[in-house]
Amino acid sequence: MAPRPRALRTLLAALVVTSVALPLAGAVRPAAVPAPAPAALAPLTSATPAALDARYRAARDGIRAAERMADGHGDRRRAAALRTMAGTGRHFLSFDGRDGGRTAEVVGDLAHADRIAVLVPGSDTSLDKYGRFRAGAEALQREMGHRSAVVAWLGYPAPATGSTGSLTTGRADRAAPQLDAFVRELSSAKPGARIAVLCHSYGSVVCARAAPELRADTLVLYGSPGTGVHDVGELHTRAAVWAGRASGDWIADVPHLRLPLLVTTVGFGTDLVSTAFGARVFDAGTGGHSDYLTPGSRSLRAIALIASGQNPTEERRHA
């Protein structure tokens, strides 16, 4: 389908801004809430309850240290959020409160899980907007059910929607090795477990850059602007690749182009739900861009089935 005129004009305007602004990116940044450097953690070589509890305790200590620093800085809102994150029943494999935050939070019983989903978020995800991301992880784990765990992986500084960073692969290029290393550690600690990596919006770009080395059985790309590659073959992955887009998602209006400019390439190319891309396409329902993991939604059910190694198309056929 040809790009809609309004959407094309919007992208072209963004391209002009990007070509001018990108060389200056980072020159002016808002003041960050200070946070301590996290303690060095040994690799997670085992997912026994004892090993996980030790890791969770270490991360909780880091969150509490960040809470104290935020409180001393006078940011009561951040301090309150961190206090909640350090509460009973929350389980973090890692935490770093600097530069928007880096976390890997487990929802479910990772020690006994044989199906693991790793959520990779898109634009606008940070400690200050973490609630929706975690709520999606909780909804997905409930839908996946017994012997499943979901890891909410906020392992990179996600760009702001409409920013220069959200139009190029730069942040994804830097995030991909971190995602690869995390999934490799997880797969080593949980040999035999099925691992699905679920990538929303700009997170699809991160996953595409990580795909050649990613130790995952399944990749699910949803609400995506594209990946920066032409088709599934260029991902160079052995994982089964699924893609979905809800009918109410505004990202459908973003033209699927890749245009070279003076210092970078802008846009992410092929529409992931098109025949040209070659992914297995699932029905993502009628929701909006932030609704894919909404409880009771068709998209949540489909993503949970795929993450569990099932085919949502087959379920609908036999319903």
Protein backbone atom coordinates (compact mmCIF):
# COMPACT_ATOMS: atom_id res chain seq x y z
CA MET A 1 0.00 0.00 0.00
CA ALA A 2 1.41 3.41 -0.93
CA PRO A 3 2.23 5.81 1.91
CA ARG A 4 -0.60 8.16 2.82
CA PRO A 5 0.18 11.75 1.73
CA ARG A 6 -0.07 13.23 5.23
CA ALA A 7 2.13 10.51 6.70
CA LEU A 8 4.69 10.96 3.93
CA ARG A 9 4.81 14.71 4.52
CA THR A 10 5.31 14.05 8.24
CA LEU A 11 8.18 11.67 7.59
CA LEU A 12 9.84 14.01 5.11
CA ALA A 13 9.67 16.82 7.65
CA ALA A 14 11.22 14.51 10.23
CA LEU A 15 13.97 13.60 7.79
CA VAL A 16 14.87 17.26 7.28
CA VAL A 17 14.95 17.81 11.03
CA THR A 18 17.06 14.69 11.50
CA SER A 19 19.63 15.65 8.88
CA VAL A 20 20.13 18.98 10.61
CA ALA A 21 19.70 17.98 14.24
CA LEU A 22 21.49 14.65 14.44
CA PRO A 23 25.01 16.07 14.41
CA LEU A 24 23.97 18.20 17.39
CA ALA A 25 22.23 15.42 19.29
CA GLY A 26 23.43 15.16 22.84
CA ALA A 27 24.63 18.76 22.99
CA VAL A 28 21.78 19.69 25.32
CA ARG A 29 20.30 17.10 27.68
CA PRO A 30 17.91 17.53 30.58
CA ALA A 31 19.33 17.12 34.05
CA ALA A 32 19.21 13.47 35.12
CA VAL A 33 18.23 12.16 38.51
CA PRO A 34 21.50 10.91 40.03
CA ALA A 35 21.87 7.23 40.81
CA PRO A 36 24.79 5.14 42.03
CA ALA A 37 26.71 2.79 39.77
CA PRO A 38 25.41 -0.75 40.31
CA ALA A 39 27.54 -3.36 42.01
CA ALA A 40 29.21 -5.80 39.64
CA LEU A 41 27.24 -9.04 39.39
CA ALA A 42 28.64 -12.45 38.62
CA PRO A 43 27.08 -14.14 35.59
CA LEU A 44 23.89 -16.03 36.34
CA THR A 45 25.02 -19.60 35.68
CA SER A 46 22.17 -21.29 37.49
CA ALA A 47 18.47 -20.54 37.95
CA THR A 48 18.02 -22.49 41.15
CA PRO A 49 15.85 -20.76 43.78
CA ALA A 50 18.95 -20.05 45.91
CA ALA A 51 20.92 -18.53 43.02
CA LEU A 52 17.99 -16.40 41.94
CA ASP A 53 17.27 -15.20 45.47
CA ALA A 54 20.88 -14.03 45.80
CA ARG A 55 20.60 -12.14 42.53
CA TYR A 56 17.26 -10.61 43.52
CA ARG A 57 18.71 -9.44 46.86
CA ALA A 58 21.67 -7.79 45.16
CA ALA A 59 19.41 -5.94 42.73
CA ARG A 60 17.09 -4.88 45.57
CA ASP A 61 20.07 -3.37 47.41
CA GLY A 62 20.89 -1.39 44.27
CA ILE A 63 17.33 -0.11 43.97
CA ARG A 64 17.31 1.02 47.59
CA ALA A 65 20.63 2.82 47.11
CA ALA A 66 19.16 4.61 44.08
CA GLU A 67 16.07 5.48 46.11
CA ARG A 68 18.18 7.11 48.81
CA MET A 69 20.11 9.13 46.24
CA ALA A 70 16.92 10.27 44.47
CA ASP A 71 15.44 11.27 47.81
CA GLY A 72 18.56 13.24 48.68
CA HIS A 73 18.35 14.94 45.30
CA GLY A 74 14.81 16.05 46.12
CA ASP A 75 13.05 13.93 43.50
CA ARG A 76 10.28 12.52 45.67
CA ARG A 77 8.45 10.99 42.69
CA ARG A 78 11.44 8.92 41.57
CA ALA A 79 12.19 7.93 45.16
CA ALA A 80 8.62 6.71 45.65
CA ALA A 81 8.73 4.70 42.42
CA LEU A 82 11.99 3.07 43.46
CA ARG A 83 10.60 2.28 46.91
CA THR A 84 7.77 0.40 45.22
CA MET A 85 10.20 -1.45 42.95
CA ALA A 86 12.20 -2.61 45.98
CA GLY A 87 9.09 -3.98 47.69
CA THR A 88 8.29 -7.53 48.68
CA GLY A 89 7.38 -9.72 45.75
CA ARG A 90 9.38 -7.77 43.13
CA HIS A 91 12.26 -9.70 41.53
CA PHE A 92 14.99 -7.99 39.52
CA LEU A 93 17.89 -9.80 37.89
CA SER A 94 19.62 -6.46 37.40
CA PHE A 95 19.10 -2.76 38.08
CA ASP A 96 20.91 0.43 37.11
CA GLY A 97 19.17 3.71 37.89
CA ARG A 98 21.39 5.90 35.73
CA ASP A 99 20.46 7.53 32.42
CA GLY A 100 16.76 6.66 32.38
CA GLY A 101 17.26 3.27 34.02
CA ARG A 102 18.22 -0.28 33.05
CA THR A 103 16.28 -3.16 34.55
CA ALA A 104 15.50 -6.82 34.06
CA GLU A 105 12.47 -7.70 36.18
CA VAL A 106 11.10 -11.23 36.46
CA VAL A 107 7.36 -11.85 36.65
CA GLY A 108 6.56 -15.45 37.56
CA ASP A 109 8.67 -18.31 38.91
CA LEU A 110 11.81 -18.30 36.79
CA ALA A 111 13.36 -21.21 38.71
CA HIS A 112 10.63 -23.61 37.59
CA ALA A 113 9.62 -22.05 34.27
CA ASP A 114 9.99 -24.02 31.06
CA ARG A 115 8.62 -21.17 28.91
CA ILE A 116 10.26 -17.75 29.18
CA ALA A 117 9.29 -14.55 27.38
CA VAL A 118 11.67 -11.58 27.27
CA LEU A 119 9.91 -8.27 26.62
CA VAL A 120 11.91 -5.62 24.75
CA PRO A 121 10.20 -2.20 24.91
CA GLY A 122 10.00 0.56 22.37
CA SER A 123 10.19 4.34 22.57
CA ASP A 124 9.34 6.32 25.69
CA THR A 125 10.09 3.52 28.17
CA SER A 126 12.11 4.50 31.25
CA LEU A 127 11.94 4.30 35.05
CA ASP A 128 9.57 7.27 35.00
CA LYS A 129 7.20 5.44 32.62
CA TYR A 130 7.81 1.91 33.83
CA GLY A 131 4.33 1.11 35.10
CA ARG A 132 2.75 0.26 31.75
CA PHE A 133 5.71 -1.88 30.75
CA ARG A 134 5.49 -3.94 33.93
CA ALA A 135 1.71 -4.20 33.68
CA GLY A 136 2.13 -5.74 30.23
CA ALA A 137 4.61 -8.27 31.62
CA GLU A 138 2.16 -9.23 34.36
CA ALA A 139 -0.72 -9.63 31.89
CA LEU A 140 1.40 -11.77 29.59
CA GLN A 141 2.59 -14.06 32.39
CA ARG A 142 -0.99 -14.60 33.57
CA GLU A 143 -2.03 -15.45 30.01
CA MET A 144 0.89 -17.84 29.52
CA GLY A 145 0.03 -19.52 32.79
CA HIS A 146 1.70 -22.27 34.82
CA ARG A 147 5.46 -22.85 34.44
CA SER A 148 6.01 -19.59 32.57
CA ALA A 149 8.03 -16.51 33.39
CA VAL A 150 8.24 -13.11 31.74
CA VAL A 151 11.29 -10.87 31.96
CA ALA A 152 10.69 -7.16 31.42
CA TRP A 153 14.05 -6.17 29.92
CA LEU A 154 14.66 -2.43 29.88
CA GLY A 155 18.28 -2.77 28.87
CA TYR A 156 18.86 0.35 26.82
CA PRO A 157 17.98 4.07 26.78
CA ALA A 158 14.82 3.98 24.69
CA PRO A 159 14.38 7.01 22.42
CA ALA A 160 11.48 9.41 22.70
CA THR A 161 8.76 9.00 20.08
CA GLY A 162 9.40 11.39 17.19
CA SER A 163 12.96 12.13 18.31
CA THR A 164 15.92 11.75 15.99
CA GLY A 165 16.86 8.59 17.89
CA SER A 166 13.53 6.96 17.06
CA LEU A 167 14.12 7.35 13.31
CA THR A 168 17.51 5.62 13.04
CA THR A 169 19.13 2.37 14.18
CA GLY A 170 21.78 4.07 16.33
CA ARG A 171 20.34 3.22 19.74
CA ALA A 172 19.38 -0.25 18.55
CA ASP A 173 22.93 -0.89 17.34
CA ARG A 174 24.24 -0.09 20.82
CA ALA A 175 21.49 -2.05 22.59
CA ALA A 176 21.75 -5.25 20.56
CA PRO A 177 24.93 -6.63 22.20
CA GLN A 178 23.36 -6.06 25.62
CA LEU A 179 20.24 -7.99 24.62
CA ASP A 180 22.32 -10.79 23.11
CA ALA A 181 24.39 -11.09 26.29
CA PHE A 182 21.32 -11.12 28.52
CA VAL A 183 19.48 -13.82 26.54
CA ARG A 184 22.68 -15.89 26.33
CA GLU A 185 23.05 -15.72 30.12
CA LEU A 186 19.39 -16.61 30.57
CA SER A 187 19.59 -19.58 28.21
CA SER A 188 22.70 -20.87 29.98
CA ALA A 189 20.99 -20.64 33.35
CA LYS A 190 17.81 -22.29 32.00
CA PRO A 191 18.95 -24.95 29.53
CA GLY A 192 16.03 -26.63 27.85
CA ALA A 193 13.59 -23.80 28.47
CA ARG A 194 11.79 -22.28 25.48
CA ILE A 195 12.76 -18.61 25.11
CA ALA A 196 10.71 -16.14 23.10
CA VAL A 197 11.85 -12.54 22.62
CA LEU A 198 8.93 -10.17 22.17
CA CYS A 199 9.72 -6.81 20.62
CA HIS A 200 7.39 -3.82 20.59
CA SER A 201 7.69 -0.75 18.36
CA TYR A 202 11.32 0.50 18.29
CA GLY A 203 12.18 -2.64 20.26
CA SER A 204 11.73 -4.49 16.94
CA VAL A 205 14.74 -2.60 15.62
CA VAL A 206 16.76 -3.63 18.69
CA CYS A 207 15.77 -7.27 18.20
CA ALA A 208 16.59 -7.18 14.50
CA ARG A 209 20.11 -5.94 15.22
CA ALA A 210 20.52 -8.65 17.87
CA ALA A 211 18.88 -11.43 15.82
CA PRO A 212 21.96 -13.13 14.29
CA GLU A 213 23.39 -13.98 17.72
CA LEU A 214 20.15 -14.17 19.70
CA ARG A 215 19.59 -17.52 21.46
CA ALA A 216 15.84 -17.51 21.11
CA ASP A 217 13.35 -20.02 19.75
CA THR A 218 10.93 -17.32 18.66
CA LEU A 219 10.94 -13.62 17.78
CA VAL A 220 7.67 -11.71 17.91
CA LEU A 221 7.69 -8.22 16.38
CA TYR A 222 4.58 -6.12 16.96
CA GLY A 223 3.57 -2.51 16.54
CA SER A 224 6.75 -2.13 14.54
CA PRO A 225 7.93 0.69 12.24
CA GLY A 226 10.15 -1.88 10.48
CA THR A 227 13.49 -3.40 11.39
CA GLY A 228 16.05 -1.84 9.09
CA VAL A 229 16.32 -4.99 6.96
CA HIS A 230 14.43 -5.93 3.82
CA ASP A 231 13.11 -9.34 4.83
CA VAL A 232 13.30 -12.19 7.33
CA GLY A 233 16.27 -13.73 5.56
CA GLU A 234 18.37 -10.67 6.34
CA LEU A 235 17.80 -11.21 10.07
CA HIS A 236 20.05 -14.29 9.84
CA THR A 237 18.24 -16.02 12.68
CA ARG A 238 17.13 -19.58 13.30
CA ALA A 239 14.25 -18.34 15.41
CA ALA A 240 10.69 -18.49 14.09
CA VAL A 241 9.74 -14.89 13.27
CA TRP A 242 6.19 -13.63 13.83
CA ALA A 243 4.81 -10.16 13.18
CA GLY A 244 1.54 -8.44 14.01
CA ARG A 245 -0.04 -5.01 13.90
CA ALA A 246 -3.38 -3.99 15.38
CA SER A 247 -5.85 -2.23 13.11
CA GLY A 248 -5.98 0.80 15.42
CA ASP A 249 -2.21 1.29 15.62
CA TRP A 250 -1.07 4.67 14.30
CA ILE A 251 2.26 3.17 13.26
CA ALA A 252 0.54 1.82 10.14
CA ASP A 253 0.68 5.41 8.83
CA VAL A 254 4.49 5.56 9.01
CA PRO A 255 5.92 5.13 5.48
CA HIS A 256 8.12 2.06 5.16
CA LEU A 257 11.17 3.71 3.68
CA ARG A 258 14.92 3.80 4.25
CA LEU A 259 16.52 7.01 3.11
CA PRO A 260 20.23 7.85 3.35
CA LEU A 261 20.99 11.36 4.57
CA LEU A 262 24.22 13.22 5.24
CA VAL A 263 25.30 11.36 8.38
CA THR A 264 22.83 8.52 8.79
CA THR A 265 20.01 6.50 7.26
CA VAL A 266 16.49 7.29 8.37
CA GLY A 267 13.52 4.92 8.41
CA PHE A 268 13.26 1.16 8.81
CA GLY A 269 12.12 -0.21 5.48
CA THR A 270 9.76 -3.09 4.73
CA ASP A 271 6.39 -3.39 6.45
CA LEU A 272 6.70 -6.41 8.73
CA VAL A 273 3.16 -7.66 8.09
CA SER A 274 3.63 -7.57 4.32
CA THR A 275 4.25 -10.63 2.17
CA ALA A 276 7.55 -9.07 1.11
CA PHE A 277 8.99 -9.27 4.63
CA GLY A 278 8.13 -12.95 4.99
CA ALA A 279 7.28 -13.24 8.71
CA ARG A 280 4.46 -15.39 10.02
CA VAL A 281 1.67 -12.88 10.57
CA PHE A 282 -0.73 -13.11 13.51
CA ASP A 283 -4.05 -11.34 14.07
CA ALA A 284 -3.34 -8.54 16.56
CA GLY A 285 -6.92 -7.32 16.89
CA THR A 286 -8.20 -3.77 16.87
CA GLY A 287 -6.27 -2.00 19.64
CA GLY A 288 -3.91 0.94 19.53
CA HIS A 289 -0.13 1.20 19.62
CA SER A 290 0.14 0.68 23.38
CA ASP A 291 -2.60 -1.95 23.72
CA TYR A 292 -0.95 -5.17 22.57
CA LEU A 293 -0.64 -6.64 26.07
CA THR A 294 -3.97 -5.39 27.37
CA PRO A 295 -5.76 -8.08 29.43
CA GLY A 296 -8.48 -9.81 27.44
CA SER A 297 -7.24 -8.56 24.08
CA ARG A 298 -6.86 -10.71 20.98
CA SER A 299 -3.27 -9.54 20.61
CA LEU A 300 -2.32 -10.63 24.14
CA ARG A 301 -3.81 -14.07 23.57
CA ALA A 302 -1.97 -14.50 20.27
CA ILE A 303 1.38 -13.31 21.66
CA ALA A 304 1.04 -15.62 24.70
CA LEU A 305 0.33 -18.60 22.45
CA ILE A 306 3.29 -17.85 20.20
CA ALA A 307 5.61 -17.36 23.20
CA SER A 308 4.44 -20.77 24.47
CA GLY A 309 5.31 -22.45 21.18
CA GLN A 310 1.78 -22.64 19.81
CA ASN A 311 0.20 -21.31 16.62
CA PRO A 312 -2.59 -18.77 17.23
CA THR A 313 -3.87 -19.28 13.69
CA GLU A 314 -4.51 -22.93 14.44
CA GLU A 315 -6.37 -22.06 17.64
CA ARG A 316 -8.69 -19.65 15.82
CA ARG A 317 -9.30 -22.20 13.09
CA HIS A 318 -10.49 -24.77 15.63
CA ALA A 319 -12.35 -22.36 17.89
